[in-house]
Amino acid sequence: MKGIEIIPIAKRKMDRRGIPESWVGEALKSPDQVVEGHGGRLVAQQRRRIRRREKLLRVVFEETEDKYVVITAYLTSDIKRYWKDKTP
């Protein structure tokens, strides 16, 4: 698997939001879904059960030849807003 680089501001935000690096790695390694983000970035999405509630972990990243560069990561309960159905 490619390496993962988390930029410093993303690391600070993840710490503040209580998102472990292991979750980010899991989302990049086996996302439930990858969607297009702003400015050509990608967003790995993974549904997670946290305190008996379903949340969506969104990891915004850029991909290079040898690594994933994490721009930010956050949890949201507004899954319908971000989840893309595969049906046309």
Protein backbone atom coordinates (compact mmCIF):
# COMPACT_ATOMS: atom_id res chain seq x y z
CA MET A 1 0.00 0.00 0.00
CA LYS A 2 1.06 3.58 -0.58
CA GLY A 3 2.37 5.63 2.29
CA ILE A 4 0.22 8.17 4.10
CA GLU A 5 1.30 11.73 4.85
CA ILE A 6 -0.92 13.82 7.09
CA ILE A 7 -0.19 17.52 6.76
CA PRO A 8 0.33 19.28 10.12
CA ILE A 9 -2.93 21.28 10.13
CA ALA A 10 -4.89 18.11 9.32
CA LYS A 11 -3.20 16.32 12.23
CA ARG A 12 -4.12 19.15 14.62
CA LYS A 13 -7.73 19.10 13.42
CA MET A 14 -7.91 15.29 13.72
CA ASP A 15 -6.60 15.49 17.30
CA ARG A 16 -9.15 18.16 18.17
CA ARG A 17 -11.95 16.12 16.56
CA GLY A 18 -10.89 12.87 18.24
CA ILE A 19 -10.11 11.06 14.99
CA PRO A 20 -7.24 8.55 15.35
CA GLU A 21 -4.70 8.16 12.56
CA SER A 22 -5.64 4.47 12.39
CA TRP A 23 -9.17 5.40 11.27
CA VAL A 24 -7.74 7.59 8.51
CA GLY A 25 -5.50 4.73 7.38
CA GLU A 26 -8.45 2.32 7.34
CA ALA A 27 -10.57 4.77 5.34
CA LEU A 28 -7.82 5.17 2.75
CA LYS A 29 -7.02 1.45 2.63
CA SER A 30 -10.60 0.18 2.38
CA PRO A 31 -13.07 3.03 1.89
CA ASP A 32 -16.77 2.36 1.60
CA GLN A 33 -16.78 4.96 -1.14
CA VAL A 34 -14.46 7.48 -2.83
CA VAL A 35 -16.03 10.62 -4.27
CA GLU A 36 -14.70 13.71 -5.98
CA GLY A 37 -14.00 16.70 -3.78
CA HIS A 38 -13.21 20.33 -4.54
CA GLY A 39 -10.22 21.28 -6.66
CA GLY A 40 -9.58 17.78 -7.98
CA ARG A 41 -9.15 16.28 -4.52
CA LEU A 42 -10.65 12.96 -3.54
CA VAL A 43 -12.67 12.07 -0.45
CA ALA A 44 -12.53 8.59 1.06
CA GLN A 45 -15.74 7.91 2.95
CA GLN A 46 -16.30 5.25 5.54
CA ARG A 47 -19.39 4.64 7.66
CA ARG A 48 -18.62 4.13 11.35
CA ARG A 49 -20.67 3.29 14.41
CA ILE A 50 -19.73 5.71 17.21
CA ARG A 51 -21.59 5.67 20.52
CA ARG A 52 -24.44 3.74 18.89
CA ARG A 53 -24.86 6.37 16.16
CA GLU A 54 -23.90 6.04 12.52
CA LYS A 55 -21.37 8.63 11.39
CA LEU A 56 -19.54 9.20 8.15
CA LEU A 57 -15.79 9.64 8.29
CA ARG A 58 -14.64 11.82 5.40
CA VAL A 59 -10.93 11.93 4.58
CA VAL A 60 -10.00 14.58 2.02
CA PHE A 61 -6.78 13.64 0.25
CA GLU A 62 -4.57 14.05 -2.78
CA GLU A 63 -2.92 11.04 -4.36
CA THR A 64 0.61 11.02 -5.68
CA GLU A 65 2.49 8.16 -7.27
CA ASP A 66 3.78 6.84 -3.94
CA LYS A 67 1.55 8.27 -1.19
CA TYR A 68 -1.75 9.69 -0.04
CA VAL A 69 -1.55 13.24 1.31
CA VAL A 70 -4.31 13.86 3.86
CA ILE A 71 -5.64 17.42 3.73
CA THR A 72 -8.30 17.01 6.44
CA ALA A 73 -10.58 14.46 8.06
CA TYR A 74 -13.86 14.88 9.88
CA LEU A 75 -16.94 13.04 11.07
CA THR A 76 -20.47 13.99 10.11
CA SER A 77 -23.90 12.65 10.93
CA ASP A 78 -25.30 14.21 7.73
CA ILE A 79 -24.64 11.07 5.71
CA LYS A 80 -27.36 11.73 3.10
CA ARG A 81 -25.65 14.99 2.14
CA TYR A 82 -22.37 13.33 1.17
CA TRP A 83 -23.20 9.72 0.26
CA LYS A 84 -23.40 9.10 -3.49
CA ASP A 85 -25.75 6.34 -4.59
CA LYS A 86 -24.32 4.17 -7.33
CA THR A 87 -27.63 4.02 -9.20
CA PRO A 88 -28.10 6.49 -12.07
